[in-house]
Amino acid sequence: MNLKEATKDKHKEDENHRFVKYLFAGSITDEVYSDYLYNQYIAYKSLEEKAEGYSLLEGIEKIKRADKILKDFQELGIEKQPTIYVSTMIYDNYVKKMSEESIIAHLYVRHFGDMFGGQMIKKLVPGSGSMYEFEDKNILINNIRSRLSLDLVDEANKVFDFAIKLFEDLANEYDIR
């Protein structure tokens, strides 16, 4: 068994959330997507800064997404101040307290999700979707996978839980059914 197989139930729960279904329906509005992006930006910036603090991005620097997410957010040109959800603030605080070992699970779930599922999402969202564009994808995949172990299952499942909480916040805010 590998980490992907060990987290498949949480992954399925994540994929079947009503917000994700709305995202994949291809009708997400600029306003909803901008709130999603801004919250993702906060989460990824915090995670990537923490990973850099532990020197965990050596050899995988190109996996970083925060700047690309911010670029996508700015590209939408929404004038309304984005909502920062409680789930995002909780995640941000959680990341700031994480151990070095836990970070790899978060990089794996979040960044691999963008690398793989993001290729479909990119075609469905407003703007250019630069956050879903990865250079040296095969090198990144191999370097991350070489750092994975089944000891990360619980932490990887937590990442999915945090993502689901954000989806729930967004779905409730915008009355997505």
Protein backbone atom coordinates (compact mmCIF):
# COMPACT_ATOMS: atom_id res chain seq x y z
CA MET A 1 0.00 0.00 0.00
CA ASN A 2 1.20 3.55 -0.72
CA LEU A 3 0.08 6.96 0.54
CA LYS A 4 -2.29 7.50 -2.38
CA GLU A 5 -4.10 4.24 -1.66
CA ALA A 6 -4.11 4.88 2.09
CA THR A 7 -5.82 8.26 1.65
CA LYS A 8 -8.24 7.33 -1.13
CA ASP A 9 -11.36 7.55 1.08
CA LYS A 10 -10.56 11.14 2.15
CA HIS A 11 -9.61 12.00 -1.41
CA LYS A 12 -12.96 10.70 -2.61
CA GLU A 13 -14.77 12.71 0.07
CA ASP A 14 -12.88 15.80 -1.06
CA GLU A 15 -13.66 15.22 -4.75
CA ASN A 16 -17.35 14.67 -4.03
CA HIS A 17 -17.85 17.84 -2.05
CA ARG A 18 -20.54 20.11 -3.50
CA PHE A 19 -18.04 22.96 -3.96
CA VAL A 20 -15.69 20.73 -5.96
CA LYS A 21 -18.60 19.55 -8.10
CA TYR A 22 -19.51 23.20 -8.68
CA LEU A 23 -15.90 23.92 -9.64
CA PHE A 24 -15.87 21.02 -12.10
CA ALA A 25 -19.22 22.07 -13.57
CA GLY A 26 -17.36 24.91 -15.27
CA SER A 27 -19.69 27.70 -14.18
CA ILE A 28 -17.77 29.13 -11.22
CA THR A 29 -18.03 32.91 -11.11
CA ASP A 30 -15.06 35.25 -10.92
CA GLU A 31 -16.12 36.35 -7.43
CA VAL A 32 -16.36 32.83 -6.01
CA TYR A 33 -13.14 31.77 -7.68
CA SER A 34 -11.31 34.85 -6.42
CA ASP A 35 -12.33 34.05 -2.82
CA TYR A 36 -11.17 30.47 -3.34
CA LEU A 37 -7.86 31.63 -4.80
CA TYR A 38 -7.16 34.15 -2.07
CA ASN A 39 -7.73 31.56 0.64
CA GLN A 40 -5.53 29.12 -1.24
CA TYR A 41 -2.86 31.82 -1.49
CA ILE A 42 -2.81 32.25 2.30
CA ALA A 43 -2.61 28.49 2.85
CA TYR A 44 0.09 27.86 0.26
CA LYS A 45 2.19 30.87 1.28
CA SER A 46 2.21 29.73 4.89
CA LEU A 47 2.98 26.11 3.94
CA GLU A 48 5.73 27.00 1.50
CA GLU A 49 7.37 29.42 3.95
CA LYS A 50 7.33 26.72 6.63
CA ALA A 51 8.80 24.20 4.16
CA GLU A 52 11.55 26.66 3.22
CA GLY A 53 12.29 27.18 6.91
CA TYR A 54 13.09 23.48 7.17
CA SER A 55 14.94 23.51 3.80
CA LEU A 56 12.41 21.01 2.44
CA LEU A 57 12.06 22.66 -0.97
CA GLU A 58 15.63 21.97 -2.04
CA GLY A 59 15.43 20.13 -5.34
CA ILE A 60 11.71 20.87 -5.66
CA GLU A 61 11.67 24.70 -5.64
CA LYS A 62 9.52 24.72 -8.78
CA ILE A 63 6.66 23.12 -6.85
CA LYS A 64 5.90 26.46 -5.18
CA ARG A 65 2.45 27.79 -6.05
CA ALA A 66 1.78 30.80 -3.78
CA ASP A 67 3.04 33.45 -6.21
CA LYS A 68 1.17 31.83 -9.10
CA ILE A 69 -2.02 31.70 -7.05
CA LEU A 70 -1.67 35.39 -6.21
CA LYS A 71 -1.09 36.16 -9.89
CA ASP A 72 -4.28 34.26 -10.82
CA PHE A 73 -6.19 36.12 -8.11
CA GLN A 74 -4.94 39.51 -9.31
CA GLU A 75 -5.69 38.62 -12.93
CA LEU A 76 -9.40 38.37 -12.10
CA GLY A 77 -9.43 42.03 -11.09
CA ILE A 78 -12.18 41.66 -8.51
CA GLU A 79 -12.57 44.91 -6.58
CA LYS A 80 -14.37 43.37 -3.60
CA GLN A 81 -12.13 42.51 -0.67
CA PRO A 82 -11.84 38.69 -0.55
CA THR A 83 -13.33 36.85 2.39
CA ILE A 84 -10.76 35.07 4.52
CA TYR A 85 -12.55 32.09 5.99
CA VAL A 86 -12.16 30.70 9.50
CA SER A 87 -11.00 27.41 7.99
CA THR A 88 -8.12 29.24 6.29
CA MET A 89 -7.08 30.99 9.49
CA ILE A 90 -7.18 27.67 11.38
CA TYR A 91 -5.06 26.03 8.68
CA ASP A 92 -2.59 28.92 8.70
CA ASN A 93 -2.17 28.58 12.49
CA TYR A 94 -1.83 24.81 12.19
CA VAL A 95 0.92 25.12 9.57
CA LYS A 96 2.89 27.53 11.74
CA LYS A 97 3.08 24.83 14.43
CA MET A 98 3.79 21.85 12.15
CA SER A 99 6.79 19.61 12.44
CA GLU A 100 9.20 19.07 9.60
CA GLU A 101 7.90 15.54 9.01
CA SER A 102 4.30 16.70 8.58
CA ILE A 103 5.05 19.24 5.87
CA ILE A 104 5.76 16.65 3.18
CA ALA A 105 2.23 15.26 3.57
CA HIS A 106 0.81 18.75 3.00
CA LEU A 107 3.02 19.42 -0.03
CA TYR A 108 2.00 16.04 -1.43
CA VAL A 109 -1.76 16.45 -1.05
CA ARG A 110 -2.03 20.10 -2.06
CA HIS A 111 0.56 20.34 -4.79
CA PHE A 112 -0.07 16.94 -6.35
CA GLY A 113 -3.77 17.79 -6.40
CA ASP A 114 -2.95 20.89 -8.43
CA MET A 115 -0.50 19.02 -10.61
CA PHE A 116 -2.94 16.25 -11.53
CA GLY A 117 -6.56 17.31 -10.94
CA GLY A 118 -5.63 20.90 -11.66
CA GLN A 119 -5.12 20.12 -15.32
CA MET A 120 -8.87 19.56 -15.65
CA ILE A 121 -9.75 22.49 -13.40
CA LYS A 122 -7.56 24.90 -15.39
CA LYS A 123 -9.87 24.54 -18.39
CA LEU A 124 -12.96 25.33 -16.30
CA VAL A 125 -12.02 28.37 -14.23
CA PRO A 126 -11.85 32.08 -15.02
CA GLY A 127 -8.43 33.43 -15.96
CA SER A 128 -5.28 31.73 -17.12
CA GLY A 129 -4.95 29.23 -14.26
CA SER A 130 -1.19 29.61 -13.98
CA MET A 131 -1.27 27.93 -10.56
CA TYR A 132 -1.87 24.65 -12.40
CA GLU A 133 1.19 25.00 -14.65
CA PHE A 134 4.24 23.10 -13.43
CA GLU A 135 7.74 23.04 -14.86
CA ASP A 136 9.84 19.88 -14.61
CA LYS A 137 6.80 17.91 -13.50
CA ASN A 138 8.47 14.49 -13.60
CA ILE A 139 11.39 15.65 -11.46
CA LEU A 140 9.00 17.16 -8.92
CA ILE A 141 6.88 14.02 -8.82
CA ASN A 142 9.88 11.75 -8.29
CA ASN A 143 11.47 14.00 -5.66
CA ILE A 144 8.26 14.27 -3.62
CA ARG A 145 7.37 10.60 -3.93
CA SER A 146 10.84 9.62 -2.70
CA ARG A 147 10.04 11.45 0.57
CA LEU A 148 6.68 9.79 1.20
CA SER A 149 5.94 7.02 3.65
CA LEU A 150 2.89 5.46 5.23
CA ASP A 151 3.81 7.28 8.44
CA LEU A 152 2.26 10.34 6.74
CA VAL A 153 -1.24 8.87 6.30
CA ASP A 154 -2.84 10.64 9.26
CA GLU A 155 -1.31 13.98 8.33
CA ALA A 156 -2.28 13.62 4.66
CA ASN A 157 -5.86 12.90 5.73
CA LYS A 158 -5.78 16.07 7.85
CA VAL A 159 -4.86 18.05 4.74
CA PHE A 160 -7.97 16.74 3.03
CA ASP A 161 -10.01 17.66 6.12
CA PHE A 162 -8.68 21.22 6.00
CA ALA A 163 -9.50 21.46 2.28
CA ILE A 164 -13.02 20.13 2.88
CA LYS A 165 -13.57 22.76 5.59
CA LEU A 166 -12.66 25.52 3.13
CA PHE A 167 -14.97 24.00 0.51
CA GLU A 168 -17.74 23.97 3.08
CA ASP A 169 -17.13 27.62 3.98
CA LEU A 170 -17.23 28.63 0.32
CA ALA A 171 -20.30 26.53 -0.44
CA ASN A 172 -22.16 28.03 2.50
CA GLU A 173 -21.08 31.61 1.71
CA TYR A 174 -22.27 31.37 -1.88
CA ASP A 175 -25.21 29.01 -1.31
CA ILE A 176 -23.76 26.29 -3.53
CA ARG A 177 -25.91 23.19 -3.41
